[in-house]
């Protein structure tokens, strides 16, 4: 008897592919709020029709990463000082809750340990985007360990917005992230949830203060 025919793998939805590509572009490239992103240009660069590009841009606008202006195109979203403060206040609440609710398993501990190792390697290589991505991964592992799908979704979206605020200034956290993450890990290893929550709060508060100070200095010097 002949073997069964292999099932054809269904390709990803074009809209999702466009979304992933455009999102990676706006988060990783050195573009600013004046850079215009048009459906024509993006569809040409991606080699697809404008329809999935339009849907992808609408999704990114819903997530608060871009703003779409009629007949002009899409632009990176700008954040006011007040909005940055609000984002970090919300992040602190969610992250402190997550580290207090996460299931402390050997898999989580090992995943966090490996993440810290990668962060140190990326810092030495001066890979700023890689470092930010690993930082997001570290916090994502803790959120996932809560088993709360909605929390993971909300925190992921929040992290993307924060990325836009800090992507050109990752030096604000790169020098202290590994040690801050290590403090969180050590507390979790010891089963000290209050200690882990305190370390998480200190970590986020420190970065929040540094980013706001930089933004205030930039505003006053402009």
N, C-alpha and C. Protein backbone atom coordinates (compact mmCIF):
# COMPACT_ATOMS: atom_id res chain seq x y z
N UNK A 1 0.85 -1.20 0.00
CA UNK A 1 0.00 0.00 0.00
C UNK A 1 0.88 1.25 0.00
N UNK A 2 0.59 2.19 -0.88
CA UNK A 2 1.41 3.38 -0.97
C UNK A 2 1.17 4.30 0.23
N UNK A 3 2.18 5.08 0.55
CA UNK A 3 2.05 6.00 1.69
C UNK A 3 1.09 7.12 1.35
N UNK A 4 0.49 7.71 2.39
CA UNK A 4 -0.48 8.79 2.19
C UNK A 4 0.21 10.04 1.67
N UNK A 5 -0.52 10.78 0.84
CA UNK A 5 0.03 12.02 0.32
C UNK A 5 0.20 13.03 1.45
N UNK A 6 1.28 13.79 1.37
CA UNK A 6 1.55 14.76 2.42
C UNK A 6 0.61 15.96 2.28
N UNK A 7 0.11 16.38 3.40
CA UNK A 7 -0.79 17.53 3.42
C UNK A 7 -0.03 18.81 3.11
N UNK A 8 -0.62 19.64 2.26
CA UNK A 8 0.01 20.92 1.92
C UNK A 8 -0.15 21.89 3.09
N UNK A 9 0.95 22.52 3.46
CA UNK A 9 0.90 23.49 4.53
C UNK A 9 0.29 24.79 4.02
N UNK A 10 -0.72 25.25 4.73
CA UNK A 10 -1.39 26.49 4.33
C UNK A 10 -0.52 27.67 4.73
N UNK A 11 -0.21 28.56 3.79
CA UNK A 11 0.65 29.71 4.12
C UNK A 11 -0.06 30.67 5.06
N UNK A 12 0.71 31.47 5.75
CA UNK A 12 0.15 32.46 6.64
C UNK A 12 -0.70 33.46 5.87
N UNK A 13 -1.67 33.99 6.55
CA UNK A 13 -2.52 35.01 5.97
C UNK A 13 -1.68 36.22 5.55
N UNK A 14 -1.91 36.74 4.37
CA UNK A 14 -1.13 37.87 3.86
C UNK A 14 -1.19 39.09 4.78
N UNK A 15 -2.35 39.32 5.38
CA UNK A 15 -2.48 40.44 6.29
C UNK A 15 -1.55 40.27 7.49
N UNK A 16 -1.49 39.05 8.02
CA UNK A 16 -0.62 38.78 9.16
C UNK A 16 0.85 38.94 8.77
N UNK A 17 1.19 38.48 7.58
CA UNK A 17 2.56 38.64 7.10
C UNK A 17 2.93 40.11 6.94
N UNK A 18 2.00 40.88 6.38
CA UNK A 18 2.23 42.32 6.21
C UNK A 18 2.35 43.00 7.56
N UNK A 19 1.48 42.61 8.48
CA UNK A 19 1.50 43.16 9.84
C UNK A 19 2.85 42.90 10.51
N UNK A 20 3.32 41.65 10.44
CA UNK A 20 4.60 41.30 11.07
C UNK A 20 5.76 42.09 10.47
N UNK A 21 5.77 42.21 9.14
CA UNK A 21 6.87 42.90 8.46
C UNK A 21 6.88 44.40 8.76
N UNK A 22 5.71 45.02 8.70
CA UNK A 22 5.64 46.47 8.95
C UNK A 22 5.94 46.77 10.41
N UNK A 23 5.43 45.94 11.29
CA UNK A 23 5.67 46.15 12.72
C UNK A 23 7.16 46.04 13.03
N UNK A 24 7.82 45.04 12.48
CA UNK A 24 9.27 44.87 12.69
C UNK A 24 10.03 46.07 12.16
N UNK A 25 9.57 46.59 11.03
CA UNK A 25 10.23 47.74 10.40
C UNK A 25 10.13 48.99 11.29
N UNK A 26 8.93 49.29 11.78
CA UNK A 26 8.76 50.52 12.56
C UNK A 26 9.40 50.43 13.94
N UNK A 27 9.55 49.21 14.46
CA UNK A 27 10.15 49.06 15.77
C UNK A 27 11.68 49.01 15.71
N UNK A 28 12.22 48.46 14.63
CA UNK A 28 13.66 48.24 14.58
C UNK A 28 14.44 49.30 13.80
N UNK A 29 13.80 49.94 12.87
CA UNK A 29 14.53 50.90 12.05
C UNK A 29 14.55 52.30 12.68
N UNK A 30 15.57 53.06 12.30
CA UNK A 30 15.71 54.42 12.82
C UNK A 30 14.85 55.40 12.04
N UNK A 31 13.56 55.23 12.13
CA UNK A 31 12.64 56.17 11.49
C UNK A 31 12.00 57.01 12.58
N UNK A 32 11.56 58.19 12.22
CA UNK A 32 10.96 59.07 13.21
C UNK A 32 9.50 59.34 12.88
N UNK A 33 8.92 60.24 13.65
CA UNK A 33 7.49 60.52 13.51
C UNK A 33 7.15 61.27 12.22
N UNK A 34 8.17 61.75 11.50
CA UNK A 34 7.94 62.46 10.25
C UNK A 34 7.99 61.53 9.04
N UNK A 35 8.45 60.29 9.25
CA UNK A 35 8.54 59.34 8.15
C UNK A 35 7.15 58.90 7.71
N UNK A 36 6.86 59.07 6.44
CA UNK A 36 5.53 58.73 5.92
C UNK A 36 5.51 57.31 5.38
N UNK A 37 4.54 56.54 5.81
CA UNK A 37 4.38 55.16 5.37
C UNK A 37 3.10 55.08 4.55
N UNK A 38 3.22 54.85 3.25
CA UNK A 38 2.03 54.80 2.40
C UNK A 38 1.73 53.37 1.97
N UNK A 39 0.48 53.14 1.66
CA UNK A 39 0.07 51.80 1.20
C UNK A 39 0.79 51.44 -0.09
N UNK A 40 0.93 52.41 -0.99
CA UNK A 40 1.60 52.15 -2.27
C UNK A 40 3.05 51.70 -2.06
N UNK A 41 3.79 52.45 -1.25
CA UNK A 41 5.20 52.14 -1.03
C UNK A 41 5.36 50.81 -0.31
N UNK A 42 4.58 50.59 0.73
CA UNK A 42 4.69 49.36 1.52
C UNK A 42 4.30 48.13 0.70
N UNK A 43 3.22 48.24 -0.07
CA UNK A 43 2.79 47.10 -0.88
C UNK A 43 3.83 46.78 -1.95
N UNK A 44 4.46 47.82 -2.49
CA UNK A 44 5.50 47.61 -3.50
C UNK A 44 6.72 46.93 -2.90
N UNK A 45 7.12 47.39 -1.71
CA UNK A 45 8.28 46.80 -1.05
C UNK A 45 8.03 45.37 -0.61
N UNK A 46 6.80 45.08 -0.19
CA UNK A 46 6.45 43.74 0.29
C UNK A 46 6.08 42.81 -0.86
N UNK A 47 5.77 43.38 -2.03
CA UNK A 47 5.39 42.56 -3.17
C UNK A 47 4.01 41.97 -3.07
N UNK A 48 3.09 42.71 -2.42
CA UNK A 48 1.72 42.24 -2.27
C UNK A 48 0.76 43.38 -2.61
N UNK A 49 -0.53 43.08 -2.64
CA UNK A 49 -1.52 44.11 -2.95
C UNK A 49 -1.70 45.06 -1.77
N UNK A 50 -2.40 46.16 -2.01
CA UNK A 50 -2.58 47.16 -0.97
C UNK A 50 -3.58 46.75 0.10
N UNK A 51 -4.49 45.85 -0.22
CA UNK A 51 -5.55 45.48 0.73
C UNK A 51 -5.00 44.91 2.05
N UNK A 52 -4.12 43.90 2.02
CA UNK A 52 -3.58 43.39 3.29
C UNK A 52 -2.71 44.42 4.01
N UNK A 53 -2.05 45.29 3.25
CA UNK A 53 -1.25 46.35 3.86
C UNK A 53 -2.16 47.31 4.62
N UNK A 54 -3.28 47.64 4.01
CA UNK A 54 -4.24 48.56 4.64
C UNK A 54 -4.77 47.95 5.95
N UNK A 55 -5.10 46.67 5.90
CA UNK A 55 -5.61 46.00 7.11
C UNK A 55 -4.54 45.95 8.19
N UNK A 56 -3.30 45.71 7.77
CA UNK A 56 -2.20 45.65 8.73
C UNK A 56 -1.99 47.01 9.41
N UNK A 57 -2.05 48.07 8.62
CA UNK A 57 -1.89 49.42 9.16
C UNK A 57 -3.02 49.77 10.13
N UNK A 58 -4.23 49.33 9.80
CA UNK A 58 -5.35 49.57 10.70
C UNK A 58 -5.15 48.88 12.04
N UNK A 59 -4.60 47.66 12.00
CA UNK A 59 -4.33 46.92 13.23
C UNK A 59 -3.26 47.62 14.06
N UNK A 60 -2.24 48.11 13.39
CA UNK A 60 -1.16 48.80 14.10
C UNK A 60 -1.64 50.12 14.71
N UNK A 61 -2.59 50.76 14.04
CA UNK A 61 -3.16 51.98 14.61
C UNK A 61 -4.01 51.65 15.84
N UNK A 62 -4.75 50.54 15.77
CA UNK A 62 -5.56 50.11 16.91
C UNK A 62 -4.69 49.82 18.12
N UNK A 63 -3.50 49.29 17.87
CA UNK A 63 -2.56 48.97 18.96
C UNK A 63 -1.82 50.20 19.47
N UNK A 64 -2.04 51.33 18.83
CA UNK A 64 -1.41 52.55 19.31
C UNK A 64 0.01 52.76 18.87
N UNK A 65 0.43 52.08 17.79
CA UNK A 65 1.81 52.22 17.33
C UNK A 65 1.95 53.26 16.21
N UNK A 66 0.91 53.46 15.44
CA UNK A 66 0.95 54.44 14.37
C UNK A 66 -0.32 55.27 14.39
N UNK A 67 -0.29 56.35 13.62
CA UNK A 67 -1.51 57.14 13.40
C UNK A 67 -1.69 57.26 11.89
N UNK A 68 -2.90 57.10 11.43
CA UNK A 68 -3.18 57.17 10.00
C UNK A 68 -3.89 58.49 9.70
N UNK A 69 -3.32 59.24 8.78
CA UNK A 69 -3.91 60.52 8.37
C UNK A 69 -4.50 60.36 6.97
N UNK A 70 -5.78 60.66 6.81
CA UNK A 70 -6.43 60.52 5.50
C UNK A 70 -5.67 61.24 4.39
N UNK A 71 -5.47 60.53 3.29
CA UNK A 71 -4.81 61.04 2.08
C UNK A 71 -3.33 61.40 2.28
N UNK A 72 -2.79 61.11 3.45
CA UNK A 72 -1.37 61.40 3.68
C UNK A 72 -0.57 60.13 3.95
N UNK A 73 -1.15 59.20 4.66
CA UNK A 73 -0.43 57.97 4.98
C UNK A 73 -0.37 57.73 6.47
N UNK A 74 0.53 56.83 6.87
CA UNK A 74 0.68 56.47 8.27
C UNK A 74 2.00 57.02 8.81
N UNK A 75 1.99 57.34 10.10
CA UNK A 75 3.18 57.88 10.75
C UNK A 75 3.33 57.22 12.12
N UNK A 76 4.56 57.15 12.61
CA UNK A 76 4.77 56.63 13.94
C UNK A 76 4.02 57.49 14.94
N UNK A 77 3.49 56.85 15.94
CA UNK A 77 2.79 57.61 16.98
C UNK A 77 3.80 58.31 17.88
N UNK A 78 3.51 59.55 18.20
CA UNK A 78 4.35 60.28 19.15
C UNK A 78 3.70 60.21 20.53
N UNK A 79 4.51 60.23 21.56
CA UNK A 79 4.00 60.14 22.93
C UNK A 79 4.38 61.39 23.72
N UNK A 80 3.40 61.96 24.38
CA UNK A 80 3.66 63.11 25.24
C UNK A 80 4.29 62.61 26.54
N UNK A 81 4.86 63.51 27.29
CA UNK A 81 5.47 63.15 28.57
C UNK A 81 4.44 62.53 29.50
N UNK A 82 3.25 63.07 29.48
CA UNK A 82 2.17 62.54 30.32
C UNK A 82 1.80 61.12 29.91
N UNK A 83 1.78 60.85 28.60
CA UNK A 83 1.45 59.52 28.12
C UNK A 83 2.52 58.50 28.49
N UNK A 84 3.78 58.92 28.44
CA UNK A 84 4.88 58.03 28.83
C UNK A 84 4.75 57.66 30.30
N UNK A 85 4.45 58.65 31.13
CA UNK A 85 4.26 58.38 32.55
C UNK A 85 3.11 57.41 32.77
N UNK A 86 2.02 57.60 32.04
CA UNK A 86 0.87 56.71 32.18
C UNK A 86 1.21 55.28 31.77
N UNK A 87 1.97 55.14 30.67
CA UNK A 87 2.35 53.81 30.19
C UNK A 87 3.18 53.08 31.25
N UNK A 88 4.12 53.78 31.84
CA UNK A 88 4.99 53.13 32.83
C UNK A 88 4.26 52.87 34.14
N UNK A 89 3.32 53.74 34.51
CA UNK A 89 2.51 53.48 35.69
C UNK A 89 1.70 52.19 35.51
N UNK A 90 1.12 52.05 34.33
CA UNK A 90 0.33 50.86 34.02
C UNK A 90 1.22 49.63 33.95
N UNK A 91 2.39 49.79 33.34
CA UNK A 91 3.30 48.66 33.24
C UNK A 91 3.73 48.17 34.62
N UNK A 92 3.99 49.11 35.51
CA UNK A 92 4.41 48.72 36.87
C UNK A 92 3.34 47.87 37.55
N UNK A 93 2.10 48.31 37.45
CA UNK A 93 1.00 47.57 38.08
C UNK A 93 0.91 46.15 37.51
N UNK A 94 0.98 46.04 36.18
CA UNK A 94 0.83 44.74 35.52
C UNK A 94 2.02 43.82 35.80
N UNK A 95 3.23 44.38 35.76
CA UNK A 95 4.43 43.56 35.95
C UNK A 95 4.56 43.08 37.40
N UNK A 96 4.25 43.95 38.34
CA UNK A 96 4.33 43.57 39.75
C UNK A 96 3.30 42.49 40.05
N UNK A 97 2.12 42.64 39.46
CA UNK A 97 1.11 41.59 39.63
C UNK A 97 1.59 40.27 39.02
N UNK A 98 2.14 40.36 37.81
CA UNK A 98 2.56 39.14 37.10
C UNK A 98 3.60 38.35 37.88
N UNK A 99 4.61 39.04 38.41
CA UNK A 99 5.67 38.32 39.12
C UNK A 99 5.14 37.75 40.44
N UNK A 100 4.05 38.32 40.94
CA UNK A 100 3.45 37.77 42.16
C UNK A 100 2.53 36.60 41.89
N UNK A 101 2.01 36.52 40.65
CA UNK A 101 1.06 35.47 40.30
C UNK A 101 1.67 34.34 39.49
N UNK A 102 2.89 34.53 38.99
CA UNK A 102 3.52 33.52 38.13
C UNK A 102 3.76 32.21 38.86
N UNK A 103 3.55 31.11 38.13
CA UNK A 103 3.85 29.79 38.68
C UNK A 103 5.36 29.59 38.62
N UNK A 104 5.98 29.42 39.77
CA UNK A 104 7.44 29.28 39.83
C UNK A 104 7.81 27.83 39.55
N UNK A 105 8.21 27.56 38.33
CA UNK A 105 8.57 26.21 37.90
C UNK A 105 10.04 26.16 37.49
N UNK A 106 10.61 24.95 37.44
CA UNK A 106 12.00 24.84 36.96
C UNK A 106 12.16 25.40 35.54
N UNK A 107 11.12 25.24 34.72
CA UNK A 107 11.17 25.74 33.35
C UNK A 107 11.24 27.26 33.32
N UNK A 108 10.46 27.91 34.18
CA UNK A 108 10.48 29.37 34.24
C UNK A 108 11.85 29.85 34.72
N UNK A 109 12.36 29.25 35.77
CA UNK A 109 13.65 29.66 36.33
C UNK A 109 14.75 29.52 35.28
N UNK A 110 14.77 28.39 34.58
CA UNK A 110 15.79 28.17 33.57
C UNK A 110 15.63 29.13 32.40
N UNK A 111 14.39 29.39 32.01
CA UNK A 111 14.14 30.33 30.91
C UNK A 111 14.61 31.73 31.25
N UNK A 112 14.38 32.16 32.50
CA UNK A 112 14.82 33.49 32.92
C UNK A 112 16.34 33.55 33.01
N UNK A 113 16.94 32.46 33.48
CA UNK A 113 18.40 32.42 33.59
C UNK A 113 19.05 32.53 32.20
N UNK A 114 18.51 31.81 31.24
CA UNK A 114 19.05 31.87 29.88
C UNK A 114 18.84 33.25 29.28
N UNK A 115 17.72 33.87 29.58
CA UNK A 115 17.43 35.21 29.06
C UNK A 115 18.46 36.21 29.57
N UNK A 116 18.81 36.11 30.83
CA UNK A 116 19.81 37.01 31.41
C UNK A 116 21.16 36.81 30.74
N UNK A 117 21.51 35.56 30.45
CA UNK A 117 22.77 35.28 29.76
C UNK A 117 22.78 35.93 28.37
N UNK A 118 21.66 35.79 27.65
CA UNK A 118 21.58 36.38 26.32
C UNK A 118 21.66 37.90 26.39
N UNK A 119 21.03 38.49 27.41
CA UNK A 119 21.05 39.95 27.56
C UNK A 119 22.48 40.45 27.74
N UNK A 120 23.25 39.73 28.53
CA UNK A 120 24.64 40.14 28.76
C UNK A 120 25.47 40.03 27.49
N UNK A 121 25.20 38.97 26.72
CA UNK A 121 25.92 38.80 25.45
C UNK A 121 25.56 39.91 24.48
N UNK A 122 24.29 40.25 24.40
CA UNK A 122 23.83 41.30 23.51
C UNK A 122 24.35 42.67 23.93
N UNK A 123 24.45 42.88 25.23
CA UNK A 123 24.98 44.15 25.72
C UNK A 123 26.45 44.30 25.33
N UNK A 124 27.21 43.23 25.48
CA UNK A 124 28.63 43.27 25.12
C UNK A 124 28.79 43.50 23.62
N UNK A 125 27.87 42.96 22.82
CA UNK A 125 27.93 43.12 21.37
C UNK A 125 27.36 44.46 20.92
N UNK A 126 26.85 45.24 21.87
CA UNK A 126 26.24 46.54 21.59
C UNK A 126 25.08 46.42 20.60
N UNK A 127 24.33 45.32 20.74
CA UNK A 127 23.15 45.09 19.90
C UNK A 127 21.94 45.66 20.62
N UNK A 128 21.63 46.92 20.36
CA UNK A 128 20.59 47.61 21.12
C UNK A 128 19.20 47.02 20.91
N UNK A 129 18.86 46.71 19.65
CA UNK A 129 17.53 46.16 19.40
C UNK A 129 17.41 44.75 19.94
N UNK A 130 18.47 43.97 19.77
CA UNK A 130 18.46 42.62 20.32
C UNK A 130 18.31 42.65 21.83
N UNK A 131 18.94 43.63 22.45
CA UNK A 131 18.87 43.75 23.91
C UNK A 131 17.45 44.09 24.36
N UNK A 132 16.82 45.02 23.65
CA UNK A 132 15.45 45.39 24.01
C UNK A 132 14.52 44.19 23.81
N UNK A 133 14.71 43.46 22.71
CA UNK A 133 13.88 42.29 22.44
C UNK A 133 14.02 41.25 23.55
N UNK A 134 15.26 41.06 24.02
CA UNK A 134 15.48 40.08 25.08
C UNK A 134 14.88 40.56 26.39
N UNK A 135 14.93 41.86 26.60
CA UNK A 135 14.31 42.43 27.80
C UNK A 135 12.80 42.15 27.78
N UNK A 136 12.19 42.37 26.62
CA UNK A 136 10.76 42.09 26.47
C UNK A 136 10.49 40.61 26.68
N UNK A 137 11.38 39.76 26.17
CA UNK A 137 11.22 38.32 26.32
C UNK A 137 11.25 37.91 27.79
N UNK A 138 12.17 38.48 28.56
CA UNK A 138 12.28 38.18 29.99
C UNK A 138 10.96 38.43 30.70
N UNK A 139 10.41 39.61 30.47
CA UNK A 139 9.16 39.98 31.13
C UNK A 139 7.99 39.16 30.58
N UNK A 140 8.08 38.80 29.29
CA UNK A 140 7.03 37.97 28.69
C UNK A 140 6.98 36.57 29.29
N UNK A 141 8.14 36.03 29.63
CA UNK A 141 8.20 34.70 30.26
C UNK A 141 7.47 34.70 31.60
N UNK A 142 7.66 35.77 32.35
CA UNK A 142 7.00 35.87 33.66
C UNK A 142 5.48 36.00 33.47
N UNK A 143 5.08 36.84 32.52
CA UNK A 143 3.64 37.01 32.26
C UNK A 143 3.01 35.70 31.82
N UNK A 144 3.69 34.97 30.94
CA UNK A 144 3.16 33.69 30.45
C UNK A 144 3.00 32.69 31.58
N UNK A 145 3.88 32.77 32.57
CA UNK A 145 3.84 31.83 33.69
C UNK A 145 2.62 32.05 34.60
N UNK A 146 1.92 33.18 34.40
CA UNK A 146 0.69 33.40 35.19
C UNK A 146 -0.47 32.59 34.62
N UNK A 147 -0.35 32.21 33.33
CA UNK A 147 -1.44 31.49 32.69
C UNK A 147 -2.59 32.40 32.30
N UNK A 148 -2.40 33.69 32.45
CA UNK A 148 -3.45 34.68 32.15
C UNK A 148 -3.23 35.20 30.73
N UNK A 149 -4.01 34.70 29.79
CA UNK A 149 -3.85 35.05 28.38
C UNK A 149 -4.10 36.54 28.14
N UNK A 150 -5.11 37.09 28.78
CA UNK A 150 -5.43 38.50 28.59
C UNK A 150 -4.32 39.40 29.12
N UNK A 151 -3.72 39.01 30.23
CA UNK A 151 -2.60 39.78 30.78
C UNK A 151 -1.44 39.78 29.79
N UNK A 152 -1.15 38.62 29.22
CA UNK A 152 -0.06 38.52 28.25
C UNK A 152 -0.31 39.40 27.04
N UNK A 153 -1.55 39.40 26.57
CA UNK A 153 -1.91 40.22 25.40
C UNK A 153 -1.77 41.70 25.71
N UNK A 154 -2.30 42.12 26.85
CA UNK A 154 -2.25 43.54 27.22
C UNK A 154 -0.81 44.00 27.46
N UNK A 155 -0.03 43.15 28.12
CA UNK A 155 1.35 43.53 28.41
C UNK A 155 2.18 43.59 27.13
N UNK A 156 1.92 42.68 26.20
CA UNK A 156 2.63 42.68 24.94
C UNK A 156 2.36 43.97 24.17
N UNK A 157 1.10 44.38 24.13
CA UNK A 157 0.74 45.61 23.44
C UNK A 157 1.36 46.82 24.13
N UNK A 158 1.36 46.80 25.45
CA UNK A 158 1.96 47.89 26.22
C UNK A 158 3.46 47.97 25.96
N UNK A 159 4.12 46.82 25.90
CA UNK A 159 5.55 46.78 25.64
C UNK A 159 5.88 47.35 24.27
N UNK A 160 5.03 47.08 23.29
CA UNK A 160 5.27 47.62 21.94
C UNK A 160 5.21 49.14 21.94
N UNK A 161 4.26 49.71 22.67
CA UNK A 161 4.16 51.16 22.75
C UNK A 161 5.36 51.75 23.48
N UNK A 162 5.77 51.09 24.55
CA UNK A 162 6.93 51.55 25.30
C UNK A 162 8.18 51.45 24.45
N UNK A 163 8.24 50.42 23.59
CA UNK A 163 9.40 50.25 22.71
C UNK A 163 9.61 51.50 21.87
N UNK A 164 8.53 52.08 21.35
CA UNK A 164 8.65 53.29 20.54
C UNK A 164 9.25 54.44 21.34
N UNK A 165 8.98 54.44 22.64
CA UNK A 165 9.51 55.51 23.48
C UNK A 165 10.98 55.31 23.80
N UNK A 166 11.44 54.07 23.86
CA UNK A 166 12.79 53.80 24.34
C UNK A 166 13.73 53.23 23.30
N UNK A 167 13.26 52.95 22.08
CA UNK A 167 14.08 52.23 21.10
C UNK A 167 15.33 52.99 20.70
N UNK A 168 15.30 54.33 20.78
CA UNK A 168 16.47 55.13 20.43
C UNK A 168 17.30 55.50 21.66
N UNK A 169 16.93 54.93 22.81
CA UNK A 169 17.66 55.25 24.03
C UNK A 169 17.76 54.04 24.94
N UNK A 170 18.07 52.87 24.35
CA UNK A 170 18.12 51.64 25.15
C UNK A 170 19.27 51.68 26.15
N UNK A 171 20.22 52.63 26.01
CA UNK A 171 21.30 52.73 26.99
C UNK A 171 20.77 53.09 28.37
N UNK A 172 19.52 53.55 28.41
CA UNK A 172 18.91 53.88 29.69
C UNK A 172 18.77 52.65 30.58
N UNK A 173 18.63 51.48 29.98
CA UNK A 173 18.41 50.27 30.77
C UNK A 173 19.47 49.20 30.55
N UNK A 174 20.22 49.28 29.44
CA UNK A 174 21.13 48.19 29.10
C UNK A 174 22.19 47.96 30.16
N UNK A 175 22.60 49.03 30.84
CA UNK A 175 23.66 48.88 31.84
C UNK A 175 23.17 48.26 33.14
N UNK A 176 21.87 48.32 33.39
CA UNK A 176 21.34 47.82 34.68
C UNK A 176 20.34 46.68 34.54
N UNK A 177 19.90 46.40 33.32
CA UNK A 177 18.85 45.40 33.14
C UNK A 177 19.24 44.02 33.65
N UNK A 178 20.44 43.59 33.32
CA UNK A 178 20.86 42.24 33.71
C UNK A 178 20.88 42.07 35.22
N UNK A 179 21.41 43.07 35.93
CA UNK A 179 21.46 42.98 37.39
C UNK A 179 20.06 43.06 37.99
N UNK A 180 19.21 43.89 37.39
CA UNK A 180 17.83 44.00 37.87
C UNK A 180 17.08 42.70 37.64
N UNK A 181 17.27 42.11 36.47
CA UNK A 181 16.63 40.83 36.16
C UNK A 181 17.16 39.73 37.07
N UNK A 182 18.44 39.79 37.38
CA UNK A 182 19.04 38.79 38.27
C UNK A 182 18.43 38.87 39.66
N UNK A 183 18.15 40.08 40.13
CA UNK A 183 17.54 40.25 41.45
C UNK A 183 16.14 39.64 41.48
N UNK A 184 15.41 39.81 40.38
CA UNK A 184 14.07 39.23 40.28
C UNK A 184 14.16 37.70 40.26
N UNK A 185 15.11 37.19 39.48
CA UNK A 185 15.30 35.75 39.38
C UNK A 185 15.68 35.13 40.72
N UNK A 186 16.61 35.75 41.41
CA UNK A 186 17.07 35.23 42.70
C UNK A 186 15.93 35.15 43.71
N UNK A 187 15.08 36.17 43.71
CA UNK A 187 13.95 36.17 44.64
C UNK A 187 12.97 35.06 44.29
N UNK A 188 12.73 34.85 42.99
CA UNK A 188 11.82 33.78 42.56
C UNK A 188 12.40 32.41 42.92
N UNK A 189 13.71 32.25 42.73
CA UNK A 189 14.35 30.98 43.07
C UNK A 189 14.19 30.65 44.55
N UNK A 190 14.18 31.67 45.38
CA UNK A 190 14.04 31.48 46.82
C UNK A 190 12.57 31.41 47.25
N UNK A 191 11.67 31.57 46.28
CA UNK A 191 10.25 31.55 46.60
C UNK A 191 9.79 32.81 47.32
N UNK A 192 10.58 33.86 47.22
CA UNK A 192 10.28 35.13 47.88
C UNK A 192 9.49 36.02 46.93
N UNK A 193 8.18 35.88 46.93
CA UNK A 193 7.35 36.64 46.00
C UNK A 193 7.38 38.14 46.30
N UNK A 194 7.33 38.48 47.57
CA UNK A 194 7.38 39.91 47.92
C UNK A 194 8.70 40.53 47.47
N UNK A 195 9.78 39.77 47.64
CA UNK A 195 11.08 40.26 47.20
C UNK A 195 11.12 40.43 45.69
N UNK A 196 10.52 39.48 44.97
CA UNK A 196 10.48 39.55 43.51
C UNK A 196 9.65 40.73 43.06
N UNK A 197 8.55 40.98 43.74
CA UNK A 197 7.70 42.12 43.38
C UNK A 197 8.42 43.44 43.67
N UNK A 198 9.15 43.47 44.77
CA UNK A 198 9.91 44.67 45.10
C UNK A 198 11.01 44.94 44.08
N UNK A 199 11.69 43.87 43.66
CA UNK A 199 12.75 44.01 42.66
C UNK A 199 12.18 44.45 41.32
N UNK A 200 11.01 43.92 40.97
CA UNK A 200 10.36 44.31 39.72
C UNK A 200 9.95 45.78 39.77
N UNK A 201 9.38 46.19 40.87
CA UNK A 201 8.94 47.58 41.02
C UNK A 201 10.14 48.53 40.91
N UNK A 202 11.24 48.19 41.58
CA UNK A 202 12.44 49.03 41.53
C UNK A 202 12.99 49.10 40.11
N UNK A 203 12.97 47.97 39.41
CA UNK A 203 13.48 47.90 38.04
C UNK A 203 12.72 48.85 37.12
N UNK A 204 11.41 48.76 37.15
CA UNK A 204 10.58 49.58 36.25
C UNK A 204 10.62 51.05 36.65
N UNK A 205 10.61 51.31 37.96
CA UNK A 205 10.67 52.69 38.44
C UNK A 205 11.96 53.37 38.02
N UNK A 206 13.06 52.64 38.09
CA UNK A 206 14.36 53.20 37.70
C UNK A 206 14.37 53.61 36.23
N UNK A 207 13.90 52.71 35.35
CA UNK A 207 13.88 53.01 33.92
C UNK A 207 12.91 54.14 33.62
N UNK A 208 11.79 54.14 34.30
CA UNK A 208 10.78 55.19 34.11
C UNK A 208 11.38 56.56 34.42
N UNK A 209 12.08 56.67 35.55
CA UNK A 209 12.68 57.94 35.95
C UNK A 209 13.73 58.39 34.94
N UNK A 210 14.54 57.45 34.47
CA UNK A 210 15.60 57.79 33.51
C UNK A 210 15.02 58.27 32.18
N UNK A 211 14.00 57.56 31.71
CA UNK A 211 13.41 57.92 30.42
C UNK A 211 12.73 59.28 30.51
N UNK A 212 11.99 59.51 31.57
CA UNK A 212 11.28 60.78 31.73
C UNK A 212 12.28 61.94 31.85
N UNK A 213 13.38 61.70 32.57
CA UNK A 213 14.41 62.73 32.71
C UNK A 213 15.01 63.07 31.36
N UNK A 214 15.26 62.04 30.54
CA UNK A 214 15.82 62.27 29.21
C UNK A 214 14.84 63.04 28.34
N UNK A 215 13.57 62.66 28.41
CA UNK A 215 12.56 63.34 27.59
C UNK A 215 12.40 64.80 28.02
N UNK A 216 12.45 65.04 29.33
CA UNK A 216 12.34 66.41 29.83
C UNK A 216 13.54 67.25 29.41
N UNK A 217 14.72 66.66 29.44
CA UNK A 217 15.93 67.38 29.02
C UNK A 217 15.87 67.70 27.52
N UNK A 218 15.38 66.72 26.74
CA UNK A 218 15.28 66.93 25.31
C UNK A 218 14.29 68.02 24.98
N UNK A 219 13.21 68.06 25.74
CA UNK A 219 12.17 69.07 25.51
C UNK A 219 12.67 70.46 25.86
N UNK A 220 13.44 70.55 26.98
CA UNK A 220 13.91 71.85 27.42
C UNK A 220 15.02 72.41 26.53
N UNK A 221 15.74 71.48 25.84
CA UNK A 221 16.84 71.93 25.00
C UNK A 221 16.40 72.20 23.57
N UNK A 222 15.17 71.84 23.23
CA UNK A 222 14.69 72.03 21.86
C UNK A 222 14.11 73.42 21.67
